Protein backbone atom coordinates (compact mmCIF):
# COMPACT_ATOMS: atom_id res chain seq x y z
CA UNK A 1 -34.25 -45.57 -4.61
CA UNK A 2 -32.23 -44.38 -7.43
CA UNK A 3 -34.39 -42.34 -9.58
CA UNK A 4 -34.26 -43.39 -13.53
CA UNK A 5 -33.57 -41.12 -16.35
CA UNK A 6 -36.61 -41.35 -17.98
CA UNK A 7 -36.21 -39.62 -21.17
CA UNK A 8 -32.71 -40.91 -21.74
CA UNK A 9 -33.88 -44.49 -21.20
CA UNK A 10 -36.87 -44.33 -23.49
CA UNK A 11 -34.60 -42.96 -26.26
CA UNK A 12 -32.14 -45.80 -25.81
CA UNK A 13 -34.89 -48.34 -26.03
CA UNK A 14 -36.21 -47.12 -29.51
CA UNK A 15 -33.87 -44.46 -31.16
CA UNK A 16 -31.75 -47.29 -32.87
CA UNK A 17 -34.72 -49.31 -33.99
CA UNK A 18 -36.65 -46.75 -36.02
CA UNK A 19 -36.48 -45.76 -39.73
CA UNK A 20 -37.22 -41.85 -39.15
CA UNK A 21 -36.00 -40.42 -35.55
CA UNK A 22 -37.54 -37.05 -35.04
CA UNK A 23 -36.12 -36.66 -31.51
CA UNK A 24 -32.54 -36.67 -32.42
CA UNK A 25 -30.80 -33.50 -31.14
CA UNK A 26 -27.53 -33.36 -32.90
CA UNK A 27 -26.12 -33.06 -36.59
CA UNK A 28 -25.70 -36.13 -38.77
CA UNK A 29 -22.54 -37.93 -37.56
CA UNK A 30 -19.39 -37.75 -39.65
CA UNK A 31 -17.26 -40.83 -40.52
CA UNK A 32 -13.64 -41.47 -39.89
CA UNK A 33 -13.14 -41.17 -43.55
CA UNK A 34 -14.54 -37.73 -43.71
CA UNK A 35 -12.13 -36.76 -41.06
CA UNK A 36 -8.67 -38.55 -41.36
CA UNK A 37 -6.50 -38.91 -44.13
CA UNK A 38 -5.10 -42.34 -45.36
CA UNK A 39 -1.92 -41.76 -43.35
CA UNK A 40 -4.03 -40.64 -40.35
CA UNK A 41 -5.89 -43.77 -40.32
CA UNK A 42 -3.05 -45.99 -40.79
CA UNK A 43 -1.57 -44.40 -37.72
CA UNK A 44 -4.80 -45.00 -35.83
CA UNK A 45 -4.85 -48.76 -36.77
CA UNK A 46 -1.13 -48.97 -35.69
CA UNK A 47 -1.86 -47.51 -32.20
CA UNK A 48 -1.34 -49.55 -28.91
CA UNK A 49 -4.58 -49.68 -26.86
CA UNK A 50 -3.35 -48.41 -23.40
CA UNK A 51 -4.89 -46.85 -20.58
CA UNK A 52 -4.06 -43.28 -21.38
CA UNK A 53 -4.41 -40.08 -18.85
CA UNK A 54 -7.10 -40.24 -16.55
CA UNK A 55 -7.40 -36.33 -16.61
CA UNK A 56 -7.35 -36.48 -20.55
CA UNK A 57 -4.66 -36.46 -23.10
CA UNK A 58 -2.51 -33.31 -22.73
CA UNK A 59 -2.53 -32.65 -26.11
CA UNK A 60 -6.42 -32.89 -25.98
CA UNK A 61 -6.42 -30.76 -23.02
CA UNK A 62 -4.56 -28.12 -24.91
CA UNK A 63 -6.32 -28.29 -28.09
CA UNK A 64 -9.87 -27.89 -25.96
CA UNK A 65 -8.31 -25.00 -23.77
CA UNK A 66 -7.57 -23.02 -26.98
CA UNK A 67 -11.48 -22.49 -27.31
CA UNK A 68 -11.49 -20.74 -23.96
CA UNK A 69 -8.87 -17.93 -24.34
CA UNK A 70 -9.08 -17.17 -20.45
CA UNK A 71 -8.15 -21.02 -19.66
CA UNK A 72 -5.16 -23.44 -19.78
CA UNK A 73 -5.10 -26.98 -19.98
CA UNK A 74 -4.67 -27.26 -16.18
CA UNK A 75 -8.52 -25.99 -16.35
CA UNK A 76 -9.85 -28.82 -18.66
CA UNK A 77 -10.99 -32.33 -17.59
CA UNK A 78 -11.69 -34.70 -20.46
CA UNK A 79 -14.66 -36.79 -19.77
CA UNK A 80 -16.50 -39.74 -21.32
CA UNK A 81 -19.15 -37.40 -23.26
CA UNK A 82 -20.78 -34.25 -21.60
CA UNK A 83 -22.97 -36.53 -19.91
CA UNK A 84 -20.11 -37.72 -17.50
CA UNK A 85 -18.92 -34.02 -17.37
CA UNK A 86 -22.51 -33.03 -15.89
CA UNK A 87 -22.16 -35.94 -13.51
CA UNK A 88 -18.90 -35.08 -12.12
CA UNK A 89 -19.84 -31.52 -11.78
CA UNK A 90 -22.89 -32.16 -9.79
CA UNK A 91 -21.51 -34.81 -7.31
CA UNK A 92 -18.76 -32.62 -6.68
CA UNK A 93 -20.66 -29.63 -5.89
CA UNK A 94 -24.02 -30.81 -4.50
CA UNK A 95 -24.88 -32.03 -1.02
CA UNK A 96 -28.19 -32.96 0.50
CA UNK A 97 -30.20 -29.84 1.50
CA UNK A 98 -28.63 -27.51 -1.27
CA UNK A 99 -30.64 -25.81 -3.92
CA UNK A 100 -30.41 -25.76 -7.49
CA UNK A 101 -31.78 -23.05 -9.85
CA UNK A 102 -32.52 -24.84 -13.32
CA UNK A 103 -33.44 -23.46 -16.70
CA UNK A 104 -36.30 -25.54 -18.24
CA UNK A 105 -37.21 -26.76 -20.76
CA UNK A 106 -33.80 -28.71 -20.74
CA UNK A 107 -32.01 -32.08 -21.15
CA UNK A 108 -33.20 -33.47 -17.75
CA UNK A 109 -30.02 -34.98 -16.43
CA UNK A 110 -29.03 -32.38 -14.24
CA UNK A 111 -32.26 -32.30 -12.16
CA UNK A 112 -32.38 -36.15 -11.85
CA UNK A 113 -28.76 -36.16 -10.47
CA UNK A 114 -29.74 -33.19 -7.99
CA UNK A 115 -32.82 -34.95 -6.60
CA UNK A 116 -31.01 -38.24 -6.28
CA UNK A 117 -28.32 -36.44 -4.24
CA UNK A 118 -31.07 -35.12 -1.69
CA UNK A 119 -31.12 -31.70 -2.77
CA UNK A 120 -33.80 -29.38 -4.03
CA UNK A 121 -34.41 -28.29 -7.72
CA UNK A 122 -36.11 -24.80 -8.30
CA UNK A 123 -37.30 -24.65 -11.88
CA UNK A 124 -37.34 -21.13 -13.96
CA UNK A 125 -38.88 -21.56 -17.09
CA UNK A 126 -37.93 -20.09 -20.45
CA UNK A 127 -40.79 -17.88 -21.78
CA UNK A 128 -42.09 -17.80 -25.17
CA UNK A 129 -43.29 -14.32 -25.23
CA UNK A 130 -39.48 -13.28 -24.33
CA UNK A 131 -38.36 -15.49 -27.52
CA UNK A 132 -37.40 -18.43 -25.20
CA UNK A 133 -35.30 -16.37 -22.71
CA UNK A 134 -35.67 -16.05 -18.88
CA UNK A 135 -36.82 -13.32 -16.75
CA UNK A 136 -34.03 -11.97 -14.93
CA UNK A 137 -36.19 -10.70 -12.20
CA UNK A 138 -37.69 -14.14 -11.57
CA UNK A 139 -34.30 -15.46 -11.57
CA UNK A 140 -33.27 -13.14 -8.87
CA UNK A 141 -35.96 -14.21 -6.76
CA UNK A 142 -35.15 -17.76 -6.76
CA UNK A 143 -31.89 -17.54 -5.71
CA UNK A 144 -31.33 -17.66 -2.03
CA UNK A 145 -28.44 -18.27 0.64
CA UNK A 146 -29.08 -22.05 0.23
CA UNK A 147 -28.52 -21.79 -3.56
CA UNK A 148 -25.20 -23.72 -4.53
CA UNK A 149 -25.73 -23.97 -8.23
CA UNK A 150 -27.42 -22.07 -11.04
CA UNK A 151 -27.73 -24.62 -14.28
CA UNK A 152 -28.19 -23.29 -17.72
CA UNK A 153 -27.68 -24.46 -21.14
CA UNK A 154 -26.58 -21.81 -23.80
CA UNK A 155 -27.31 -22.04 -26.84
CA UNK A 156 -30.55 -23.54 -25.52
CA UNK A 157 -31.80 -27.02 -25.96
CA UNK A 158 -34.57 -27.21 -27.07
CA UNK A 159 -35.21 -24.11 -27.99
CA UNK A 160 -32.24 -23.04 -30.02
CA UNK A 161 -32.22 -19.50 -27.99
CA UNK A 162 -28.77 -17.91 -27.33
CA UNK A 163 -28.13 -15.57 -24.47
CA UNK A 164 -26.85 -12.13 -25.29
CA UNK A 165 -24.00 -10.91 -23.76
CA UNK A 166 -25.89 -8.43 -21.41
CA UNK A 167 -28.04 -11.25 -20.33
CA UNK A 168 -24.76 -13.32 -19.29
CA UNK A 169 -23.39 -10.42 -17.52
CA UNK A 170 -26.85 -9.97 -15.65
CA UNK A 171 -26.93 -13.76 -14.69
CA UNK A 172 -23.18 -13.36 -13.67
CA UNK A 173 -24.04 -10.32 -11.20
CA UNK A 174 -26.92 -12.40 -9.66
CA UNK A 175 -24.45 -15.41 -8.95
CA UNK A 176 -21.70 -13.33 -7.74
CA UNK A 177 -24.06 -11.39 -5.28
CA UNK A 178 -24.87 -14.78 -3.74
CA UNK A 179 -21.63 -16.42 -4.40
CA UNK A 180 -22.92 -19.26 -6.37
CA UNK A 181 -21.59 -21.49 -9.09
CA UNK A 182 -22.80 -21.27 -12.66
CA UNK A 183 -22.89 -24.23 -14.50
CA UNK A 184 -23.17 -23.54 -18.27
CA UNK A 185 -23.95 -26.75 -20.79
CA UNK A 186 -22.37 -25.54 -23.98
CA UNK A 187 -22.56 -28.34 -26.14
CA UNK A 188 -24.42 -26.78 -28.63
CA UNK A 189 -22.07 -23.74 -28.99
CA UNK A 190 -20.63 -23.63 -32.62
CA UNK A 191 -23.84 -24.31 -34.09
CA UNK A 192 -25.12 -20.53 -34.31
CA UNK A 193 -27.31 -20.06 -37.49
CA UNK A 194 -25.90 -16.47 -38.25
CA UNK A 195 -22.17 -17.66 -37.88
CA UNK A 196 -21.42 -15.58 -34.88
CA UNK A 197 -20.10 -17.91 -32.38
CA UNK A 198 -21.59 -17.88 -28.81
CA UNK A 199 -19.29 -16.64 -26.22
CA UNK A 200 -18.52 -18.97 -23.23
CA UNK A 201 -19.91 -18.24 -19.76
CA UNK A 202 -16.22 -18.83 -18.83
CA UNK A 203 -15.68 -15.28 -20.07
CA UNK A 204 -18.14 -13.66 -17.69
CA UNK A 205 -18.00 -15.05 -14.18
CA UNK A 206 -15.02 -16.43 -12.37
CA UNK A 207 -16.89 -19.35 -10.82
CA UNK A 208 -18.48 -20.53 -14.05
CA UNK A 209 -18.16 -24.42 -14.75
CA UNK A 210 -18.46 -25.38 -18.45
CA UNK A 211 -19.38 -28.68 -19.76
CA UNK A 212 -19.22 -29.27 -23.44
CA UNK A 213 -18.43 -32.00 -26.01
CA UNK A 214 -18.19 -33.64 -29.38
CA UNK A 215 -21.82 -34.92 -29.72
CA UNK A 216 -23.88 -31.99 -31.04
CA UNK A 217 -22.12 -29.21 -32.91
CA UNK A 218 -19.06 -31.36 -33.78
CA UNK A 219 -21.23 -34.38 -34.96
CA UNK A 220 -18.94 -36.90 -33.22
CA UNK A 221 -21.27 -38.47 -30.69
CA UNK A 222 -19.98 -41.96 -30.85
CA UNK A 223 -16.42 -41.07 -29.77
CA UNK A 224 -17.95 -40.33 -26.31
CA UNK A 225 -15.75 -37.25 -25.74
CA UNK A 226 -16.56 -34.38 -23.45
CA UNK A 227 -15.00 -32.14 -21.06
CA UNK A 228 -15.35 -29.55 -18.17
CA UNK A 229 -13.70 -26.06 -17.95
CA UNK A 230 -13.36 -24.82 -14.50
CA UNK A 231 -11.03 -23.43 -11.81
CA UNK A 232 -8.02 -25.70 -11.36
CA UNK A 233 -8.72 -26.63 -8.00
CA UNK A 234 -12.29 -27.75 -8.95
CA UNK A 235 -10.96 -29.62 -11.90
CA UNK A 236 -8.74 -31.66 -9.33
CA UNK A 237 -11.78 -32.46 -7.38
CA UNK A 238 -13.85 -33.47 -10.19
CA UNK A 239 -10.87 -35.57 -11.54
CA UNK A 240 -11.02 -37.46 -8.05
CA UNK A 241 -14.66 -38.42 -8.97
CA UNK A 242 -13.68 -39.54 -12.35
CA UNK A 243 -11.11 -41.80 -10.95
CA UNK A 244 -14.00 -43.80 -9.23
CA UNK A 245 -16.03 -43.95 -12.31
CA UNK A 246 -14.78 -44.28 -15.84
CA UNK A 247 -10.82 -43.69 -14.94
CA UNK A 248 -10.25 -42.56 -18.43
CA UNK A 249 -11.71 -41.91 -21.82
CA UNK A 250 -10.73 -44.06 -24.75
CA UNK A 251 -7.33 -43.52 -26.16
CA UNK A 252 -8.81 -44.02 -29.79
CA UNK A 253 -11.42 -41.50 -29.14
CA UNK A 254 -9.02 -38.98 -27.71
CA UNK A 255 -6.69 -39.50 -30.49
CA UNK A 256 -9.53 -38.70 -32.96
CA UNK A 257 -10.62 -36.10 -31.06
CA UNK A 258 -7.21 -34.23 -31.20
CA UNK A 259 -7.75 -34.00 -34.85
CA UNK A 260 -11.46 -33.00 -34.58
CA UNK A 261 -10.35 -29.99 -32.16
CA UNK A 262 -7.34 -28.94 -34.53
CA UNK A 263 -7.95 -25.45 -35.75
CA UNK A 264 -8.18 -26.46 -39.37
CA UNK A 265 -10.68 -29.22 -38.74
CA UNK A 266 -12.68 -27.44 -35.96
CA UNK A 267 -13.80 -24.68 -38.49
CA UNK A 268 -14.44 -27.11 -41.19
CA UNK A 269 -16.65 -29.39 -39.06
CA UNK A 270 -18.65 -26.44 -37.59
CA UNK A 271 -19.07 -24.88 -40.92
CA UNK A 272 -20.61 -28.30 -42.17
CA UNK A 273 -22.93 -28.41 -39.31
CA UNK A 274 -23.95 -24.77 -39.77
CA UNK A 275 -24.92 -25.67 -43.41
CA UNK A 276 -26.79 -28.61 -42.31
CA UNK A 277 -28.87 -26.76 -39.74
CA UNK A 278 -29.75 -23.98 -42.10
CA UNK A 279 -31.05 -26.44 -44.71
CA UNK A 280 -32.91 -28.33 -42.07
CA UNK A 281 -34.51 -25.14 -40.67
CA UNK A 282 -35.47 -24.10 -44.15
CA UNK A 283 -37.29 -27.52 -44.68
CA UNK A 284 -39.00 -27.40 -41.39
CA UNK A 285 -40.15 -23.79 -42.17
CA UNK A 286 -41.81 -24.90 -45.32
CA UNK A 287 -43.54 -27.74 -43.37
CA UNK A 288 -44.54 -25.27 -40.83
CA UNK A 289 -46.06 -22.57 -43.16
CA UNK A 290 -47.76 -25.51 -44.99
CA UNK A 291 -49.58 -26.10 -41.35
CA UNK A 292 -49.57 -22.46 -39.80
CA UNK A 293 -53.14 -23.17 -38.59
CA UNK A 294 -51.86 -25.75 -36.40
CA UNK A 295 -48.11 -24.69 -35.35
CA UNK A 296 -46.26 -21.69 -34.71
CA UNK A 297 -42.52 -21.41 -33.31
CA UNK A 298 -39.86 -18.75 -32.44
CA UNK A 299 -37.08 -19.39 -34.92
CA UNK A 300 -33.87 -20.85 -33.37
CA UNK A 301 -30.68 -18.97 -33.37
CA UNK A 302 -28.64 -21.94 -32.74
CA UNK A 303 -28.55 -25.78 -32.62
């Protein structure tokens, strides 16, 4: 029996019915009017609603690739949100009997898919005493010849921790030693509180596979636009899976996403997100200070 994604099902039942949602993990969504001018809105209204490109609109693939200096549009697959990106990555790579090393706590989609595919999940936990980072010696001890994939989330959901360059280099070294893939969920990249953008794991490892999208840092979750960044041959394999599932992403959503990922808009949107995050963190810190006999926390670096 296919294992249900318990957290997502619970949220979907209640998150749109409550007045105050404290479980949401993204910035407050933007409106179309905040993004597009009148001429752009009019052009959108006059668009023909055709199927579009199953791999993704070439203009959007090109715009996304610009965020990854070492990659080109052939390394990009546009998906229906980062959730579909995670799904095609996992179903392309994982077979029964494989092992996947997964950093927890995390969004629980990947372990659910892995278990449904008949593979084994090996958990490694972020440690509070390390400011919500992993112990690299423990990571090394979990990787074996059966390991097919190491899956991380950077910046971290839900802790807001950000891996340093040296940590990513160390993880890449372990992965390279065992010739395993590293999947890096980077949907919170661009939400750093210090204004210094996290480097993509794609810059550190030749077998890195990145999933990302517009739901979190970019504040456009309803567009359902995500992407995979990987070697071109892997992108083709994942594209084959996508052909069997959603075929393509909405042409309207992709048209808007092209505007989101333009250089001028991208910086404005990420700046808006950073301002909101800083304001919310200060609000939370004041509340925490008033209840410090009950709660403590490691301040997040992002997200």
